[in-house]
Amino acid sequence: MSIQAINVRNQFKGKVKEIIKGDVVSEVDVETPWGVVTSVITTRSVNDLGLAVGSDVVALVKSTEVSIAKL
């Protein structure tokens, strides 16, 4: 499955490998078939998405940012 409504060419499906939560921002490591992709997103977004180790996600890579969407 790819997210068609988002204009991002590079989409990598994977599972959350590790989450390092901070007060404001968190690091989310996503294990993909091509390696680990790390995203720094707000801790609020981690909580709102219900992300946890093992969650199926897609990493959306655009230029210098990596976004996360829960599958």
PDB file of N, CA and C in Angstrom:
ATOM      1  N   MET A   1       0.836  -1.178   0.000  1.00  0.00           N
ATOM      2  CA  MET A   1       0.000   0.000   0.000  1.00  0.00           C
ATOM      3  C   MET A   1       0.884   1.246   0.000  1.00  0.00           C
ATOM      4  N   SER A   2       0.552   2.187  -0.848  1.00  0.00           N
ATOM      5  CA  SER A   2       1.231   3.476  -0.812  1.00  0.00           C
ATOM      6  C   SER A   2       0.175   4.548  -0.592  1.00  0.00           C
ATOM      7  N   ILE A   3       0.615   5.651  -0.068  1.00  0.00           N
ATOM      8  CA  ILE A   3      -0.310   6.746   0.193  1.00  0.00           C
ATOM      9  C   ILE A   3      -0.346   7.605  -1.056  1.00  0.00           C
ATOM     10  N   GLN A   4      -1.454   7.562  -1.786  1.00  0.00           N
ATOM     11  CA  GLN A   4      -1.561   8.232  -3.076  1.00  0.00           C
ATOM     12  C   GLN A   4      -1.836   9.725  -2.941  1.00  0.00           C
ATOM     13  N   ALA A   5      -2.487  10.155  -1.862  1.00  0.00           N
ATOM     14  CA  ALA A   5      -2.881  11.553  -1.721  1.00  0.00           C
ATOM     15  C   ALA A   5      -1.702  12.452  -1.366  1.00  0.00           C
ATOM     16  N   ILE A   6      -0.577  11.872  -1.032  1.00  0.00           N
ATOM     17  CA  ILE A   6       0.596  12.647  -0.654  1.00  0.00           C
ATOM     18  C   ILE A   6       1.586  12.608  -1.805  1.00  0.00           C
ATOM     19  N   ASN A   7       2.041  13.771  -2.243  1.00  0.00           N
ATOM     20  CA  ASN A   7       2.962  13.853  -3.371  1.00  0.00           C
ATOM     21  C   ASN A   7       4.396  13.686  -2.877  1.00  0.00           C
ATOM     22  N   VAL A   8       4.737  12.465  -2.533  1.00  0.00           N
ATOM     23  CA  VAL A   8       6.092  12.146  -2.097  1.00  0.00           C
ATOM     24  C   VAL A   8       6.539  10.922  -2.896  1.00  0.00           C
ATOM     25  N   ARG A   9       7.631  11.055  -3.584  1.00  0.00           N
ATOM     26  CA  ARG A   9       8.089   9.987  -4.470  1.00  0.00           C
ATOM     27  C   ARG A   9       8.665   8.805  -3.699  1.00  0.00           C
ATOM     28  N   ASN A  10       9.406   9.068  -2.632  1.00  0.00           N
ATOM     29  CA  ASN A  10      10.098   7.997  -1.915  1.00  0.00           C
ATOM     30  C   ASN A  10       9.323   7.584  -0.677  1.00  0.00           C
ATOM     31  N   GLN A  11       8.689   6.426  -0.762  1.00  0.00           N
ATOM     32  CA  GLN A  11       7.910   5.877   0.341  1.00  0.00           C
ATOM     33  C   GLN A  11       8.500   4.506   0.693  1.00  0.00           C
ATOM     34  N   PHE A  12       8.837   4.328   1.968  1.00  0.00           N
ATOM     35  CA  PHE A  12       9.439   3.083   2.421  1.00  0.00           C
ATOM     36  C   PHE A  12       8.585   2.461   3.512  1.00  0.00           C
ATOM     37  N   LYS A  13       7.986   1.304   3.231  1.00  0.00           N
ATOM     38  CA  LYS A  13       7.219   0.585   4.245  1.00  0.00           C
ATOM     39  C   LYS A  13       8.175  -0.060   5.233  1.00  0.00           C
ATOM     40  N   GLY A  14       7.749  -0.112   6.479  1.00  0.00           N
ATOM     41  CA  GLY A  14       8.570  -0.757   7.485  1.00  0.00           C
ATOM     42  C   GLY A  14       7.858  -0.864   8.809  1.00  0.00           C
ATOM     43  N   LYS A  15       8.618  -1.258   9.816  1.00  0.00           N
ATOM     44  CA  LYS A  15       8.110  -1.385  11.183  1.00  0.00           C
ATOM     45  C   LYS A  15       8.950  -0.507  12.094  1.00  0.00           C
ATOM     46  N   VAL A  16       8.285   0.079  13.082  1.00  0.00           N
ATOM     47  CA  VAL A  16       9.012   0.884  14.054  1.00  0.00           C
ATOM     48  C   VAL A  16       9.939  -0.038  14.833  1.00  0.00           C
ATOM     49  N   LYS A  17      11.227   0.295  14.811  1.00  0.00           N
ATOM     50  CA  LYS A  17      12.250  -0.504  15.497  1.00  0.00           C
ATOM     51  C   LYS A  17      12.522   0.047  16.890  1.00  0.00           C
ATOM     52  N   GLU A  18      12.552   1.386  17.004  1.00  0.00           N
ATOM     53  CA  GLU A  18      12.867   2.013  18.291  1.00  0.00           C
ATOM     54  C   GLU A  18      12.282   3.421  18.308  1.00  0.00           C
ATOM     55  N   ILE A  19      11.848   3.851  19.489  1.00  0.00           N
ATOM     56  CA  ILE A  19      11.392   5.220  19.696  1.00  0.00           C
ATOM     57  C   ILE A  19      12.138   5.780  20.901  1.00  0.00           C
ATOM     58  N   ILE A  20      12.802   6.901  20.686  1.00  0.00           N
ATOM     59  CA  ILE A  20      13.474   7.591  21.787  1.00  0.00           C
ATOM     60  C   ILE A  20      12.691   8.872  22.028  1.00  0.00           C
ATOM     61  N   LYS A  21      11.878   8.863  23.096  1.00  0.00           N
ATOM     62  CA  LYS A  21      10.991   9.987  23.378  1.00  0.00           C
ATOM     63  C   LYS A  21      11.700  11.071  24.167  1.00  0.00           C
ATOM     64  N   GLY A  22      11.487  12.294  23.720  1.00  0.00           N
ATOM     65  CA  GLY A  22      11.933  13.468  24.456  1.00  0.00           C
ATOM     66  C   GLY A  22      10.713  14.253  24.903  1.00  0.00           C
ATOM     67  N   ASP A  23      10.935  15.345  25.613  1.00  0.00           N
ATOM     68  CA  ASP A  23       9.821  16.165  26.069  1.00  0.00           C
ATOM     69  C   ASP A  23       9.069  16.796  24.897  1.00  0.00           C
ATOM     70  N   VAL A  24       9.794  17.220  23.880  1.00  0.00           N
ATOM     71  CA  VAL A  24       9.177  17.917  22.748  1.00  0.00           C
ATOM     72  C   VAL A  24       9.273  17.122  21.454  1.00  0.00           C
ATOM     73  N   VAL A  25      10.450  16.578  21.159  1.00  0.00           N
ATOM     74  CA  VAL A  25      10.635  15.791  19.936  1.00  0.00           C
ATOM     75  C   VAL A  25      11.105  14.382  20.278  1.00  0.00           C
ATOM     76  N   SER A  26      10.833  13.466  19.355  1.00  0.00           N
ATOM     77  CA  SER A  26      11.228  12.071  19.522  1.00  0.00           C
ATOM     78  C   SER A  26      11.892  11.574  18.249  1.00  0.00           C
ATOM     79  N   GLU A  27      12.791  10.598  18.410  1.00  0.00           N
ATOM     80  CA  GLU A  27      13.399   9.922  17.269  1.00  0.00           C
ATOM     81  C   GLU A  27      12.659   8.608  17.052  1.00  0.00           C
ATOM     82  N   VAL A  28      12.280   8.360  15.807  1.00  0.00           N
ATOM     83  CA  VAL A  28      11.587   7.120  15.452  1.00  0.00           C
ATOM     84  C   VAL A  28      12.438   6.406  14.411  1.00  0.00           C
ATOM     85  N   ASP A  29      12.942   5.223  14.758  1.00  0.00           N
ATOM     86  CA  ASP A  29      13.709   4.399  13.824  1.00  0.00           C
ATOM     87  C   ASP A  29      12.764   3.406  13.168  1.00  0.00           C
ATOM     88  N   VAL A  30      12.781   3.394  11.835  1.00  0.00           N
ATOM     89  CA  VAL A  30      11.917   2.504  11.062  1.00  0.00           C
ATOM     90  C   VAL A  30      12.798   1.515  10.304  1.00  0.00           C
ATOM     91  N   GLU A  31      12.588   0.237  10.548  1.00  0.00           N
ATOM     92  CA  GLU A  31      13.313  -0.832   9.849  1.00  0.00           C
ATOM     93  C   GLU A  31      12.600  -1.097   8.532  1.00  0.00           C
ATOM     94  N   THR A  32      13.312  -0.900   7.418  1.00  0.00           N
ATOM     95  CA  THR A  32      12.759  -1.160   6.093  1.00  0.00           C
ATOM     96  C   THR A  32      13.612  -2.238   5.426  1.00  0.00           C
ATOM     97  N   PRO A  33      13.137  -2.788   4.312  1.00  0.00           N
ATOM     98  CA  PRO A  33      13.959  -3.767   3.591  1.00  0.00           C
ATOM     99  C   PRO A  33      15.282  -3.176   3.100  1.00  0.00           C
ATOM    100  N   TRP A  34      15.381  -1.843   3.037  1.00  0.00           N
ATOM    101  CA  TRP A  34      16.580  -1.175   2.528  1.00  0.00           C
ATOM    102  C   TRP A  34      17.437  -0.610   3.644  1.00  0.00           C
ATOM    103  N   GLY A  35      17.060  -0.838   4.895  1.00  0.00           N
ATOM    104  CA  GLY A  35      17.811  -0.333   6.030  1.00  0.00           C
ATOM    105  C   GLY A  35      16.939   0.471   6.965  1.00  0.00           C
ATOM    106  N   VAL A  36      17.564   1.097   7.941  1.00  0.00           N
ATOM    107  CA  VAL A  36      16.840   1.869   8.957  1.00  0.00           C
ATOM    108  C   VAL A  36      16.733   3.325   8.509  1.00  0.00           C
ATOM    109  N   VAL A  37      15.522   3.856   8.610  1.00  0.00           N
ATOM    110  CA  VAL A  37      15.259   5.268   8.346  1.00  0.00           C
ATOM    111  C   VAL A  37      14.877   5.889   9.677  1.00  0.00           C
ATOM    112  N   THR A  38      15.494   7.026  10.019  1.00  0.00           N
ATOM    113  CA  THR A  38      15.203   7.696  11.278  1.00  0.00           C
ATOM    114  C   THR A  38      14.484   9.011  11.000  1.00  0.00           C
ATOM    115  N   SER A  39      13.398   9.236  11.736  1.00  0.00           N
ATOM    116  CA  SER A  39      12.645  10.474  11.634  1.00  0.00           C
ATOM    117  C   SER A  39      12.621  11.150  12.996  1.00  0.00           C
ATOM    118  N   VAL A  40      12.776  12.459  13.006  1.00  0.00           N
ATOM    119  CA  VAL A  40      12.611  13.240  14.239  1.00  0.00           C
ATOM    120  C   VAL A  40      11.297  13.982  14.093  1.00  0.00           C
ATOM    121  N   ILE A  41      10.319  13.600  14.923  1.00  0.00           N
ATOM    122  CA  ILE A  41       8.991  14.209  14.886  1.00  0.00           C
ATOM    123  C   ILE A  41       8.607  14.614  16.302  1.00  0.00           C
ATOM    124  N   THR A  42       7.558  15.400  16.416  1.00  0.00           N
ATOM    125  CA  THR A  42       7.147  15.830  17.742  1.00  0.00           C
ATOM    126  C   THR A  42       6.651  14.627  18.552  1.00  0.00           C
ATOM    127  N   THR A  43       6.885  14.687  19.840  1.00  0.00           N
ATOM    128  CA  THR A  43       6.402  13.632  20.728  1.00  0.00           C
ATOM    129  C   THR A  43       4.880  13.583  20.701  1.00  0.00           C
ATOM    130  N   ARG A  44       4.266  14.731  20.532  1.00  0.00           N
ATOM    131  CA  ARG A  44       2.801  14.776  20.423  1.00  0.00           C
ATOM    132  C   ARG A  44       2.330  13.956  19.223  1.00  0.00           C
ATOM    133  N   SER A  45       3.042  14.049  18.097  1.00  0.00           N
ATOM    134  CA  SER A  45       2.685  13.267  16.916  1.00  0.00           C
ATOM    135  C   SER A  45       2.869  11.771  17.153  1.00  0.00           C
ATOM    136  N   VAL A  46       3.937  11.405  17.856  1.00  0.00           N
ATOM    137  CA  VAL A  46       4.143   9.992  18.211  1.00  0.00           C
ATOM    138  C   VAL A  46       2.942   9.481  18.994  1.00  0.00           C
ATOM    139  N   ASN A  47       2.505  10.262  19.967  1.00  0.00           N
ATOM    140  CA  ASN A  47       1.362   9.859  20.795  1.00  0.00           C
ATOM    141  C   ASN A  47       0.061   9.856  19.998  1.00  0.00           C
ATOM    142  N   ASP A  48      -0.176  10.897  19.186  1.00  0.00           N
ATOM    143  CA  ASP A  48      -1.410  10.987  18.400  1.00  0.00           C
ATOM    144  C   ASP A  48      -1.526   9.849  17.392  1.00  0.00           C
ATOM    145  N   LEU A  49      -0.386   9.444  16.806  1.00  0.00           N
ATOM    146  CA  LEU A  49      -0.388   8.334  15.848  1.00  0.00           C
ATOM    147  C   LEU A  49      -0.444   6.972  16.539  1.00  0.00           C
ATOM    148  N   GLY A  50      -0.222   6.960  17.843  1.00  0.00           N
ATOM    149  CA  GLY A  50      -0.207   5.686  18.569  1.00  0.00           C
ATOM    150  C   GLY A  50       0.970   4.824  18.171  1.00  0.00           C
ATOM    151  N   LEU A  51       2.092   5.459  17.860  1.00  0.00           N
ATOM    152  CA  LEU A  51       3.273   4.697  17.429  1.00  0.00           C
ATOM    153  C   LEU A  51       3.874   3.936  18.599  1.00  0.00           C
ATOM    154  N   ALA A  52       4.280   2.719  18.314  1.00  0.00           N
ATOM    155  CA  ALA A  52       4.948   1.868  19.299  1.00  0.00           C
ATOM    156  C   ALA A  52       5.894   0.959  18.532  1.00  0.00           C
ATOM    157  N   VAL A  53       6.845   0.379  19.226  1.00  0.00           N
ATOM    158  CA  VAL A  53       7.749  -0.581  18.584  1.00  0.00           C
ATOM    159  C   VAL A  53       6.898  -1.685  17.966  1.00  0.00           C
ATOM    160  N   GLY A  54       7.162  -1.977  16.687  1.00  0.00           N
ATOM    161  CA  GLY A  54       6.416  -3.004  15.967  1.00  0.00           C
ATOM    162  C   GLY A  54       5.289  -2.457  15.114  1.00  0.00           C
ATOM    163  N   SER A  55       4.952  -1.160  15.251  1.00  0.00           N
ATOM    164  CA  SER A  55       3.890  -0.568  14.422  1.00  0.00           C
ATOM    165  C   SER A  55       4.296  -0.594  12.954  1.00  0.00           C
ATOM    166  N   ASP A  56       3.341  -0.954  12.083  1.00  0.00           N
ATOM    167  CA  ASP A  56       3.560  -0.865  10.641  1.00  0.00           C
ATOM    168  C   ASP A  56       3.399   0.591  10.233  1.00  0.00           C
ATOM    169  N   VAL A  57       4.408   1.108   9.524  1.00  0.00           N
ATOM    170  CA  VAL A  57       4.385   2.503   9.106  1.00  0.00           C
ATOM    171  C   VAL A  57       4.944   2.624   7.700  1.00  0.00           C
ATOM    172  N   VAL A  58       4.812   3.799   7.146  1.00  0.00           N
ATOM    173  CA  VAL A  58       5.496   4.132   5.900  1.00  0.00           C
ATOM    174  C   VAL A  58       6.287   5.404   6.164  1.00  0.00           C
ATOM    175  N   ALA A  59       7.566   5.385   5.804  1.00  0.00           N
ATOM    176  CA  ALA A  59       8.418   6.559   5.937  1.00  0.00           C
ATOM    177  C   ALA A  59       8.348   7.307   4.609  1.00  0.00           C
ATOM    178  N   LEU A  60       7.992   8.568   4.676  1.00  0.00           N
ATOM    179  CA  LEU A  60       7.862   9.411   3.490  1.00  0.00           C
ATOM    180  C   LEU A  60       9.052  10.359   3.462  1.00  0.00           C
ATOM    181  N   VAL A  61       9.928  10.166   2.504  1.00  0.00           N
ATOM    182  CA  VAL A  61      11.182  10.932   2.452  1.00  0.00           C
ATOM    183  C   VAL A  61      11.073  12.002   1.376  1.00  0.00           C
ATOM    184  N   LYS A  62      11.273  13.238   1.778  1.00  0.00           N
ATOM    185  CA  LYS A  62      11.250  14.355   0.835  1.00  0.00           C
ATOM    186  C   LYS A  62      12.385  15.299   1.188  1.00  0.00           C
ATOM    187  N   SER A  63      13.348  15.401   0.324  1.00  0.00           N
ATOM    188  CA  SER A  63      14.482  16.300   0.489  1.00  0.00           C
ATOM    189  C   SER A  63      15.166  16.050   1.821  1.00  0.00           C
ATOM    190  N   THR A  64      15.034  16.972   2.776  1.00  0.00           N
ATOM    191  CA  THR A  64      15.739  16.821   4.053  1.00  0.00           C
ATOM    192  C   THR A  64      14.832  16.393   5.183  1.00  0.00           C
ATOM    193  N   GLU A  65      13.608  15.968   4.893  1.00  0.00           N
ATOM    194  CA  GLU A  65      12.720  15.561   5.976  1.00  0.00           C
ATOM    195  C   GLU A  65      12.177  14.161   5.746  1.00  0.00           C
ATOM    196  N   VAL A  66      11.872  13.481   6.832  1.00  0.00           N
ATOM    197  CA  VAL A  66      11.258  12.157   6.796  1.00  0.00           C
ATOM    198  C   VAL A  66       9.998  12.236   7.627  1.00  0.00           C
ATOM    199  N   SER A  67       8.848  11.970   6.996  1.00  0.00           N
ATOM    200  CA  SER A  67       7.563  11.963   7.698  1.00  0.00           C
ATOM    201  C   SER A  67       7.156  10.523   7.958  1.00  0.00           C
ATOM    202  N   ILE A  68       6.304  10.312   8.950  1.00  0.00           N
ATOM    203  CA  ILE A  68       5.840   8.975   9.305  1.00  0.00           C
ATOM    204  C   ILE A  68       4.314   8.943   9.237  1.00  0.00           C
ATOM    205  N   ALA A  69       3.766   7.876   8.621  1.00  0.00           N
ATOM    206  CA  ALA A  69       2.337   7.652   8.606  1.00  0.00           C
ATOM    207  C   ALA A  69       2.088   6.230   9.085  1.00  0.00           C
ATOM    208  N   LYS A  70       1.140   6.064   9.994  1.00  0.00           N
ATOM    209  CA  LYS A  70       0.824   4.732  10.507  1.00  0.00           C
ATOM    210  C   LYS A  70      -0.062   4.001   9.524  1.00  0.00           C
ATOM    211  N   LEU A  71       0.249   2.719   9.251  1.00  0.00           N
ATOM    212  CA  LEU A  71      -0.547   1.904   8.346  1.00  0.00           C
ATOM    213  C   LEU A  71      -1.598   1.141   9.099  1.00  0.00           C
TER     214      LEU A  71
END
